[in-house]
Amino acid sequence: MQPTVAVDDLRPGMFIHMEGGWLSHPFPLSSFKLQSDDQIATIRRLGLQRVRWSPEKSDAQVDPVPAATTSPGAPSSAPGPAAALNAAAQQAAARRAQLDAQRAAQRQMEAQYGEAGQTWRDATRLIGSDPAAAGAQVQALAGAIVDKMLSSQDVSIRLVPAGGERFATHLLNVTVVSLLLGRSLGLSATDLNGLGTGTLLHDIGKLDLAERVRHLEDGATAAHIAAYREHVARGLQQGQRMALPPTAMAVIAQHHEQADGQGFPLHLAGDKIHIAARIAAVVNRYDNLCNPPLRTVALTPHEAVAMLFATGRNRFDPAVLNAFIKMMGVYPAGSVVQLTDDRFALVVGVNASRPLKPRVLVHDGGTPRGEALVLDLEQHPELGIRRSLAASKLPPATLQYLDPRPRTAYYFECLDTAAAACEGGARAPAEPVAA
């Protein structure tokens, strides 16, 4: 049996074991290494006197008291029944508060995602009748997203339920990830606004194409390929009518160009391709690998990153590609993984600056899915990810619990509470943001 330590002697670095089930404390795991004084303060509020700990797994040490130290007949120092019941109630309340906060953050992020999609749809409906107003609204939406991203030092790529049509989901995916990548590469706010406007509209020329030629599939005829490639020229015409800024026009014109000159329509290469278009090209390819029109050929996010790493060195700007892989991590949001303790989990969030320790939803048969706390692997260095796997390889009960969606959709979440601007909705202001 592990020794125990007084709660007053706890310090960061100690590996402890909490007693009881999932309702008895607010922590995602019952055994973990303390990372902060806030965690210790939470344990004190639970009313516990002592906790079990593992000195051999700890970075910090104290003189432990063995678990069984009392002699027969000696008075017990254990809390009485009333104190134990009170502690259990406090533990349940603390966990409930943490779960409520998690749900509130999820609702807020999903509401912003929905508002962004609706704003985009409202704007594009104006293209035919009032293209200038449509362009102004899309620029305003891009500016609102950029402002929220720049208001926070700590931004996470989050998995959201994919709703609505694939076209709008694709444009939002490419926009959100491109802006986070541009942010990590140090683009200015003005350049980010242009990048966001361009990615929101990079496929706008497809609206004028017949549905059968909006996508390329293996074995497409020369006529099909030529018709598909017309979406770039058509997009540029729309962009001119909408009076879009130069950076946005460059994204529309060049998002299919390749670093080796093998892209289209102008076969540009290297630095002749605008940096915003180089960013959009990588992210656009990633999303098309994860969310193709034909679901049977879709790759998992982990597989898509691996393919880009293996085959994209000549096709994409190496610096941009490396930054993308570093930001997304080996296991991007949406990946189904197995942890080092053999449990299965769904990656639901990746910190853009610390991607190796994502946040995961772990399959726990003893906890209803709606009551499960998301596990932040950054707070549990003893845990890692062993491997990624396709959803079809999961046990049936795990597949039902984790419920990985067939379409991967992304938004972003500000993690530092000081970023008040990030807490507002994603509805764009009435006036366009200069880009």
Protein backbone atom coordinates (compact mmCIF):
# COMPACT_ATOMS: atom_id res chain seq x y z
CA MET A 1 0.00 0.00 0.00
CA GLN A 2 1.27 3.48 -0.89
CA PRO A 3 2.27 5.77 1.98
CA THR A 4 0.17 8.78 2.77
CA VAL A 5 1.04 12.44 3.09
CA ALA A 6 -0.74 15.26 4.87
CA VAL A 7 -2.57 17.57 2.49
CA ASP A 8 -0.77 20.52 4.08
CA ASP A 9 2.53 18.95 2.95
CA LEU A 10 1.55 18.58 -0.69
CA ARG A 11 3.61 20.40 -3.29
CA PRO A 12 3.86 20.41 -7.11
CA GLY A 13 5.77 17.42 -8.43
CA MET A 14 4.24 14.86 -6.07
CA PHE A 15 2.43 11.93 -7.66
CA ILE A 16 -0.77 11.34 -5.72
CA HIS A 17 -3.75 8.97 -5.72
CA MET A 18 -7.25 10.25 -5.05
CA GLU A 19 -9.76 7.90 -3.44
CA GLY A 20 -13.28 7.30 -4.64
CA GLY A 21 -15.02 7.27 -8.01
CA TRP A 22 -15.47 9.94 -10.62
CA LEU A 23 -17.93 11.93 -8.47
CA SER A 24 -15.57 12.12 -5.51
CA HIS A 25 -13.18 14.74 -6.92
CA PRO A 26 -12.98 17.22 -9.81
CA PHE A 27 -9.85 15.79 -11.47
CA PRO A 28 -9.99 13.88 -14.79
CA LEU A 29 -7.70 11.17 -13.36
CA SER A 30 -7.53 9.64 -9.91
CA SER A 31 -3.73 9.17 -10.05
CA PHE A 32 -1.62 12.05 -11.34
CA LYS A 33 1.35 14.29 -10.67
CA LEU A 34 0.52 17.64 -9.09
CA GLN A 35 1.33 20.46 -11.49
CA SER A 36 0.26 23.60 -9.64
CA ASP A 37 -0.66 25.16 -6.32
CA ASP A 38 -4.21 25.56 -7.66
CA GLN A 39 -4.59 21.77 -7.75
CA ILE A 40 -3.39 21.56 -4.15
CA ALA A 41 -5.85 24.27 -3.12
CA THR A 42 -8.64 22.25 -4.76
CA ILE A 43 -7.66 19.19 -2.74
CA ARG A 44 -7.70 21.23 0.48
CA ARG A 45 -11.21 22.42 -0.32
CA LEU A 46 -12.34 18.80 -0.54
CA GLY A 47 -11.79 18.49 3.22
CA LEU A 48 -9.25 15.67 2.99
CA GLN A 49 -6.61 15.28 5.69
CA ARG A 50 -4.23 12.88 3.92
CA VAL A 51 -3.83 11.39 0.45
CA ARG A 52 -1.88 8.44 -0.85
CA TRP A 53 1.20 9.17 -2.94
CA SER A 54 4.03 7.41 -4.82
CA PRO A 55 7.46 8.77 -3.85
CA GLU A 56 9.15 6.84 -6.66
CA LYS A 57 7.03 8.67 -9.27
CA SER A 58 7.39 12.08 -7.65
CA ASP A 59 9.77 14.94 -8.33
CA ALA A 60 9.20 16.41 -4.86
CA GLN A 61 9.72 14.50 -1.62
CA VAL A 62 8.59 14.66 2.02
CA ASP A 63 8.83 12.16 4.82
CA PRO A 64 5.74 9.98 4.28
CA VAL A 65 3.56 8.49 6.95
CA PRO A 66 2.73 4.82 6.24
CA ALA A 67 -0.87 4.05 5.37
CA ALA A 68 -1.32 1.88 8.50
CA THR A 69 0.29 3.68 11.45
CA THR A 70 -2.21 3.19 14.26
CA SER A 71 -1.90 0.36 16.77
CA PRO A 72 -4.87 -1.71 17.91
CA GLY A 73 -6.98 0.28 20.34
CA ALA A 74 -5.35 3.59 19.49
CA PRO A 75 -7.70 6.45 18.66
CA SER A 76 -8.29 6.90 14.93
CA SER A 77 -7.45 10.19 13.23
CA ALA A 78 -9.77 9.41 10.33
CA PRO A 79 -12.65 11.81 9.83
CA GLY A 80 -15.99 10.74 11.20
CA PRO A 81 -19.03 9.81 9.09
CA ALA A 82 -20.37 13.35 9.03
CA ALA A 83 -17.04 14.78 7.89
CA ALA A 84 -16.73 12.09 5.22
CA LEU A 85 -20.21 12.85 3.89
CA ASN A 86 -19.45 16.56 3.84
CA ALA A 87 -16.18 15.93 2.00
CA ALA A 88 -17.97 13.77 -0.58
CA ALA A 89 -20.52 16.52 -1.16
CA GLN A 90 -17.75 19.08 -1.61
CA GLN A 91 -15.96 16.79 -4.02
CA ALA A 92 -19.09 16.24 -6.08
CA ALA A 93 -19.77 19.99 -6.13
CA ALA A 94 -16.23 20.77 -7.24
CA ARG A 95 -16.42 18.27 -10.08
CA ARG A 96 -19.82 19.58 -11.11
CA ALA A 97 -18.46 23.14 -11.22
CA GLN A 98 -15.60 22.02 -13.46
CA LEU A 99 -17.98 20.15 -15.74
CA ASP A 100 -20.31 23.17 -15.94
CA ALA A 101 -17.37 25.39 -16.92
CA GLN A 102 -16.30 22.90 -19.59
CA ARG A 103 -19.81 22.77 -21.03
CA ALA A 104 -20.14 26.56 -21.02
CA ALA A 105 -16.86 26.96 -22.91
CA GLN A 106 -17.98 24.35 -25.46
CA ARG A 107 -21.36 26.05 -25.97
CA GLN A 108 -19.70 29.42 -26.42
CA MET A 109 -17.23 28.12 -29.00
CA GLU A 110 -19.93 26.25 -30.95
CA ALA A 111 -22.12 29.36 -30.93
CA GLN A 112 -19.28 31.43 -32.38
CA TYR A 113 -18.69 28.78 -35.02
CA GLY A 114 -22.36 28.81 -35.95
CA GLU A 115 -22.44 32.60 -36.12
CA ALA A 116 -19.35 32.68 -38.35
CA GLY A 117 -20.95 30.21 -40.74
CA GLN A 118 -24.22 32.12 -40.82
CA THR A 119 -22.43 35.42 -41.43
CA TRP A 120 -20.55 33.85 -44.34
CA ARG A 121 -23.78 32.49 -45.86
CA ASP A 122 -25.53 35.85 -45.45
CA ALA A 123 -22.65 37.62 -47.19
CA THR A 124 -22.37 35.23 -50.12
CA ARG A 125 -26.10 35.53 -50.84
CA LEU A 126 -25.41 39.19 -51.68
CA ILE A 127 -22.74 38.49 -54.30
CA GLY A 128 -25.17 38.51 -57.20
CA SER A 129 -27.16 41.58 -56.19
CA ASP A 130 -24.64 43.67 -54.24
CA PRO A 131 -21.08 42.34 -54.57
CA ALA A 132 -19.50 45.33 -52.82
CA ALA A 133 -21.67 44.77 -49.74
CA ALA A 134 -20.84 41.05 -49.84
CA GLY A 135 -17.11 41.82 -49.95
CA ALA A 136 -17.42 44.26 -47.07
CA GLN A 137 -19.23 41.70 -44.93
CA VAL A 138 -16.68 38.97 -45.59
CA GLN A 139 -13.82 41.36 -44.76
CA ALA A 140 -15.62 42.29 -41.55
CA LEU A 141 -16.04 38.62 -40.62
CA ALA A 142 -12.36 37.94 -41.26
CA GLY A 143 -11.41 40.96 -39.17
CA ALA A 144 -13.63 39.84 -36.29
CA ILE A 145 -12.03 36.38 -36.26
CA VAL A 146 -8.52 37.87 -36.42
CA ASP A 147 -9.27 40.27 -33.57
CA LYS A 148 -10.39 37.40 -31.36
CA MET A 149 -7.34 35.31 -32.21
CA LEU A 150 -4.94 38.16 -31.51
CA SER A 151 -6.65 39.01 -28.21
CA SER A 152 -5.32 35.80 -26.65
CA GLN A 153 -1.79 34.55 -26.04
CA ASP A 154 -3.00 30.96 -25.78
CA VAL A 155 -5.21 29.65 -28.61
CA SER A 156 -6.40 26.10 -29.10
CA ILE A 157 -7.61 24.42 -32.29
CA ARG A 158 -10.88 22.79 -31.28
CA LEU A 159 -12.98 20.06 -32.82
CA VAL A 160 -16.59 21.12 -33.36
CA PRO A 161 -19.61 19.17 -34.64
CA ALA A 162 -19.67 19.55 -38.42
CA GLY A 163 -23.01 20.94 -39.45
CA GLY A 164 -24.45 22.36 -42.63
CA GLU A 165 -23.08 21.92 -46.11
CA ARG A 166 -19.58 20.67 -46.84
CA PHE A 167 -18.71 23.82 -48.84
CA ALA A 168 -19.14 26.23 -45.93
CA THR A 169 -17.45 23.81 -43.51
CA HIS A 170 -14.45 23.55 -45.82
CA LEU A 171 -14.07 27.32 -46.13
CA LEU A 172 -14.30 27.84 -42.37
CA ASN A 173 -11.83 25.02 -41.72
CA VAL A 174 -9.29 26.46 -44.13
CA THR A 175 -9.80 29.96 -42.75
CA VAL A 176 -9.43 29.10 -39.06
CA VAL A 177 -6.36 26.89 -39.49
CA SER A 178 -4.75 29.28 -42.01
CA LEU A 179 -5.15 32.23 -39.65
CA LEU A 180 -3.66 30.29 -36.76
CA LEU A 181 -0.76 29.28 -39.01
CA GLY A 182 -0.30 32.86 -40.21
CA ARG A 183 -0.35 34.01 -36.60
CA SER A 184 2.37 31.50 -35.70
CA LEU A 185 4.45 32.72 -38.65
CA GLY A 186 4.24 36.32 -37.43
CA LEU A 187 1.97 37.86 -40.06
CA SER A 188 0.69 41.34 -39.26
CA ALA A 189 -2.93 42.00 -38.44
CA THR A 190 -3.41 43.57 -41.88
CA ASP A 191 -1.97 40.53 -43.63
CA LEU A 192 -4.05 38.21 -41.46
CA ASN A 193 -7.20 40.13 -42.41
CA GLY A 194 -6.34 39.69 -46.08
CA LEU A 195 -5.52 36.02 -45.54
CA GLY A 196 -8.81 35.45 -43.72
CA THR A 197 -10.84 37.21 -46.41
CA GLY A 198 -9.09 35.23 -49.14
CA THR A 199 -9.55 31.85 -47.48
CA LEU A 200 -13.22 32.54 -46.76
CA LEU A 201 -13.62 33.14 -50.50
CA HIS A 202 -10.88 30.99 -52.07
CA ASP A 203 -13.40 28.65 -53.71
CA ILE A 204 -16.05 31.26 -54.43
CA GLY A 205 -15.62 30.65 -58.17
CA LYS A 206 -17.06 27.17 -57.69
CA LEU A 207 -20.51 28.62 -57.05
CA ASP A 208 -20.74 29.29 -60.80
CA LEU A 209 -19.69 25.75 -61.73
CA ALA A 210 -21.90 22.72 -62.20
CA GLU A 211 -21.83 20.46 -59.14
CA ARG A 212 -20.28 17.61 -61.14
CA VAL A 213 -17.10 19.60 -61.85
CA ARG A 214 -16.60 21.30 -58.49
CA HIS A 215 -14.25 18.54 -57.33
CA LEU A 216 -11.53 16.43 -58.90
CA GLU A 217 -11.46 12.70 -58.49
CA ASP A 218 -9.02 10.06 -59.73
CA GLY A 219 -9.49 9.34 -63.40
CA ALA A 220 -11.00 12.72 -64.26
CA THR A 221 -11.00 13.51 -67.97
CA ALA A 222 -9.04 16.40 -69.47
CA ALA A 223 -12.30 18.26 -70.07
CA HIS A 224 -13.34 17.77 -66.43
CA ILE A 225 -9.97 19.01 -65.19
CA ALA A 226 -10.14 22.11 -67.41
CA ALA A 227 -13.66 22.89 -66.23
CA TYR A 228 -12.63 22.44 -62.59
CA ARG A 229 -9.65 24.77 -62.96
CA GLU A 230 -11.92 27.53 -64.23
CA HIS A 231 -12.99 28.19 -60.63
CA VAL A 232 -9.83 30.23 -60.07
CA ALA A 233 -10.56 32.67 -62.90
CA ARG A 234 -14.22 32.84 -61.92
CA GLY A 235 -13.23 33.51 -58.32
CA LEU A 236 -10.99 36.37 -59.40
CA GLN A 237 -13.85 37.91 -61.34
CA GLN A 238 -16.05 37.72 -58.28
CA GLY A 239 -13.26 39.14 -56.11
CA GLN A 240 -12.88 42.13 -58.40
CA ARG A 241 -16.62 42.77 -58.24
CA MET A 242 -16.42 42.60 -54.44
CA ALA A 243 -13.46 45.03 -54.36
CA LEU A 244 -11.33 42.67 -52.26
CA PRO A 245 -7.88 43.73 -51.01
CA PRO A 246 -4.71 42.52 -52.81
CA THR A 247 -3.80 39.81 -50.27
CA ALA A 248 -7.25 38.24 -50.55
CA MET A 249 -7.06 38.35 -54.33
CA ALA A 250 -3.66 36.65 -54.20
CA VAL A 251 -5.12 33.80 -52.12
CA ILE A 252 -7.95 33.29 -54.62
CA ALA A 253 -5.56 33.45 -57.58
CA GLN A 254 -2.72 31.31 -56.20
CA HIS A 255 -4.09 28.78 -53.70
CA HIS A 256 -3.51 25.98 -56.26
CA GLU A 257 0.02 27.08 -57.20
CA GLN A 258 2.85 24.86 -55.99
CA ALA A 259 6.35 25.63 -54.79
CA ASP A 260 7.83 23.42 -57.55
CA GLY A 261 5.91 25.23 -60.31
CA GLN A 262 3.60 22.28 -61.00
CA GLY A 263 0.42 24.00 -59.85
CA PHE A 264 -2.12 26.10 -61.75
CA PRO A 265 -3.17 28.39 -63.32
CA LEU A 266 0.14 30.25 -63.86
CA HIS A 267 2.70 27.62 -62.72
CA LEU A 268 4.26 30.05 -60.26
CA ALA A 269 7.04 28.77 -58.03
CA GLY A 270 8.78 29.60 -54.76
CA ASP A 271 8.65 33.22 -53.60
CA LYS A 272 6.63 34.26 -56.64
CA ILE A 273 3.65 32.83 -54.75
CA HIS A 274 2.25 35.20 -52.12
CA ILE A 275 2.93 34.05 -48.54
CA ALA A 276 -0.81 34.07 -47.80
CA ALA A 277 -1.44 31.77 -50.77
CA ARG A 278 1.38 29.47 -49.66
CA ILE A 279 -0.32 29.15 -46.28
CA ALA A 280 -3.74 28.56 -47.82
CA ALA A 281 -2.36 25.91 -50.18
CA VAL A 282 -1.09 23.70 -47.34
CA VAL A 283 -4.25 24.00 -45.25
CA ASN A 284 -6.53 23.55 -48.25
CA ARG A 285 -4.79 20.30 -49.14
CA TYR A 286 -4.98 19.06 -45.55
CA ASP A 287 -8.71 19.68 -45.31
CA ASN A 288 -9.36 18.04 -48.68
CA LEU A 289 -7.53 14.94 -47.46
CA CYS A 290 -9.64 14.80 -44.28
CA ASN A 291 -12.94 15.84 -45.86
CA PRO A 292 -13.09 14.71 -49.49
CA PRO A 293 -16.43 14.56 -51.34
CA LEU A 294 -16.15 10.76 -51.33
CA ARG A 295 -16.04 9.72 -47.66
CA THR A 296 -14.58 6.28 -48.41
CA VAL A 297 -11.21 7.83 -49.34
CA ALA A 298 -11.02 10.21 -46.35
CA LEU A 299 -7.87 10.16 -44.23
CA THR A 300 -7.80 10.62 -40.49
CA PRO A 301 -6.23 13.92 -39.36
CA HIS A 302 -3.15 11.97 -38.23
CA GLU A 303 -2.87 10.26 -41.62
CA ALA A 304 -3.33 13.57 -43.46
CA VAL A 305 -0.48 15.22 -41.54
CA ALA A 306 1.73 12.19 -42.16
CA MET A 307 0.99 12.30 -45.90
CA LEU A 308 1.78 16.00 -46.13
CA PHE A 309 5.04 15.39 -44.31
CA ALA A 310 5.97 12.50 -46.60
CA THR A 311 4.89 13.89 -49.98
CA GLY A 312 4.62 17.66 -49.64
CA ARG A 313 8.26 18.74 -49.46
CA ASN A 314 8.41 19.85 -53.10
CA ARG A 315 4.78 20.81 -53.49
CA PHE A 316 4.61 23.29 -50.62
CA ASP A 317 6.84 25.96 -49.12
CA PRO A 318 9.04 23.97 -46.68
CA ALA A 319 8.96 26.64 -43.98
CA VAL A 320 5.17 26.92 -44.14
CA LEU A 321 4.72 23.14 -44.22
CA ASN A 322 7.03 22.64 -41.23
CA ALA A 323 5.20 25.33 -39.26
CA PHE A 324 1.86 23.70 -40.11
CA ILE A 325 2.99 20.26 -38.93
CA LYS A 326 4.47 21.72 -35.76
CA MET A 327 1.27 23.64 -35.00
CA MET A 328 -1.16 20.80 -35.71
CA GLY A 329 0.90 18.19 -33.88
CA VAL A 330 1.32 14.55 -34.69
CA TYR A 331 -2.24 13.92 -33.50
CA PRO A 332 -4.45 16.81 -34.69
CA ALA A 333 -7.90 17.46 -33.31
CA GLY A 334 -10.23 14.78 -34.59
CA SER A 335 -7.67 11.97 -34.28
CA VAL A 336 -8.69 8.77 -32.53
CA VAL A 337 -5.82 7.58 -30.34
CA GLN A 338 -4.76 5.02 -27.78
CA LEU A 339 -3.05 6.37 -24.68
CA THR A 340 0.00 4.86 -23.04
CA ASP A 341 -2.26 3.34 -20.37
CA ASP A 342 -4.15 1.53 -23.20
CA ARG A 343 -7.33 3.60 -22.98
CA PHE A 344 -8.89 4.95 -26.18
CA ALA A 345 -9.54 8.66 -26.64
CA LEU A 346 -10.63 11.31 -29.13
CA VAL A 347 -8.38 14.37 -29.53
CA VAL A 348 -10.71 17.37 -29.13
CA GLY A 349 -8.25 20.24 -28.78
CA VAL A 350 -4.65 21.06 -29.64
CA ASN A 351 -2.84 24.05 -28.18
CA ALA A 352 -1.30 25.78 -31.20
CA SER A 353 1.91 26.51 -29.28
CA ARG A 354 2.18 23.18 -27.40
CA PRO A 355 0.80 20.54 -29.76
CA LEU A 356 2.45 17.44 -28.30
CA LYS A 357 0.10 17.33 -25.32
CA PRO A 358 -3.44 17.72 -26.67
CA ARG A 359 -6.72 17.59 -24.79
CA VAL A 360 -8.61 14.35 -25.17
CA LEU A 361 -11.97 12.81 -24.39
CA VAL A 362 -11.23 9.41 -22.85
CA HIS A 363 -13.55 6.41 -23.05
CA ASP A 364 -14.59 5.67 -19.48
CA GLY A 365 -17.25 3.00 -19.15
CA GLY A 366 -18.03 4.14 -15.60
CA THR A 367 -18.83 7.73 -16.60
CA PRO A 368 -21.65 8.80 -18.94
CA ARG A 369 -20.25 10.59 -21.98
CA GLY A 370 -22.14 13.75 -21.14
CA GLU A 371 -20.49 13.79 -17.70
CA ALA A 372 -16.92 13.14 -18.88
CA LEU A 373 -14.23 15.72 -18.19
CA VAL A 374 -11.79 16.46 -21.01
CA LEU A 375 -8.30 15.33 -20.04
CA ASP A 376 -5.47 17.81 -20.66
CA LEU A 377 -2.39 15.67 -21.29
CA GLU A 378 -0.20 18.66 -20.58
CA GLN A 379 -1.27 18.39 -16.95
CA HIS A 380 -0.47 14.67 -16.87
CA PRO A 381 3.14 14.13 -17.99
CA GLU A 382 2.93 10.49 -16.96
CA LEU A 383 0.46 9.94 -19.82
CA GLY A 384 1.09 10.09 -23.55
CA ILE A 385 -0.28 8.88 -26.85
CA ARG A 386 0.84 5.47 -28.05
CA ARG A 387 -0.71 5.43 -31.50
CA SER A 388 -3.43 6.76 -33.76
CA LEU A 389 -6.00 4.48 -35.33
CA ALA A 390 -8.99 4.61 -37.63
CA ALA A 391 -12.40 4.85 -36.00
CA SER A 392 -13.31 1.52 -37.62
CA LYS A 393 -10.67 -0.18 -35.45
CA LEU A 394 -12.32 0.85 -32.18
CA PRO A 395 -14.32 -1.62 -30.07
CA PRO A 396 -18.06 -1.03 -30.66
CA ALA A 397 -18.69 0.40 -27.17
CA THR A 398 -15.75 2.80 -27.53
CA LEU A 399 -16.88 3.91 -30.99
CA GLN A 400 -20.33 4.72 -29.64
CA TYR A 401 -18.89 6.58 -26.64
CA LEU A 402 -16.30 8.71 -28.46
CA ASP A 403 -18.60 9.23 -31.46
CA PRO A 404 -15.96 10.47 -33.94
CA ARG A 405 -17.69 12.34 -36.75
CA PRO A 406 -17.22 11.43 -40.41
CA ARG A 407 -16.42 15.05 -41.21
CA THR A 408 -13.72 16.98 -39.35
CA ALA A 409 -14.60 20.59 -38.50
CA TYR A 410 -12.44 23.10 -36.64
CA TYR A 411 -12.82 26.34 -34.78
CA PHE A 412 -10.63 27.94 -32.15
CA GLU A 413 -10.79 28.63 -28.43
CA CYS A 414 -8.97 31.24 -26.37
CA LEU A 415 -7.50 29.55 -23.31
CA ASP A 416 -6.44 32.51 -21.19
CA THR A 417 -9.29 34.09 -19.30
CA ALA A 418 -7.90 37.60 -19.73
CA ALA A 419 -8.88 37.57 -23.41
CA ALA A 420 -12.28 39.18 -22.96
CA ALA A 421 -12.65 39.93 -26.66
CA CYS A 422 -12.49 36.24 -27.44
CA GLU A 423 -15.58 35.64 -25.32
CA GLY A 424 -17.88 37.61 -27.61
CA GLY A 425 -19.78 36.25 -30.56
CA ALA A 426 -18.33 35.84 -34.04
CA ARG A 427 -20.90 38.08 -35.71
CA ALA A 428 -19.04 40.56 -37.89
CA PRO A 429 -19.34 44.33 -37.32
CA ALA A 430 -21.28 46.41 -39.79
CA GLU A 431 -18.23 48.18 -41.24
CA PRO A 432 -15.48 46.28 -43.10
CA VAL A 433 -12.08 45.89 -41.51
CA ALA A 434 -9.32 47.44 -43.59
CA ALA A 435 -6.89 44.93 -45.04
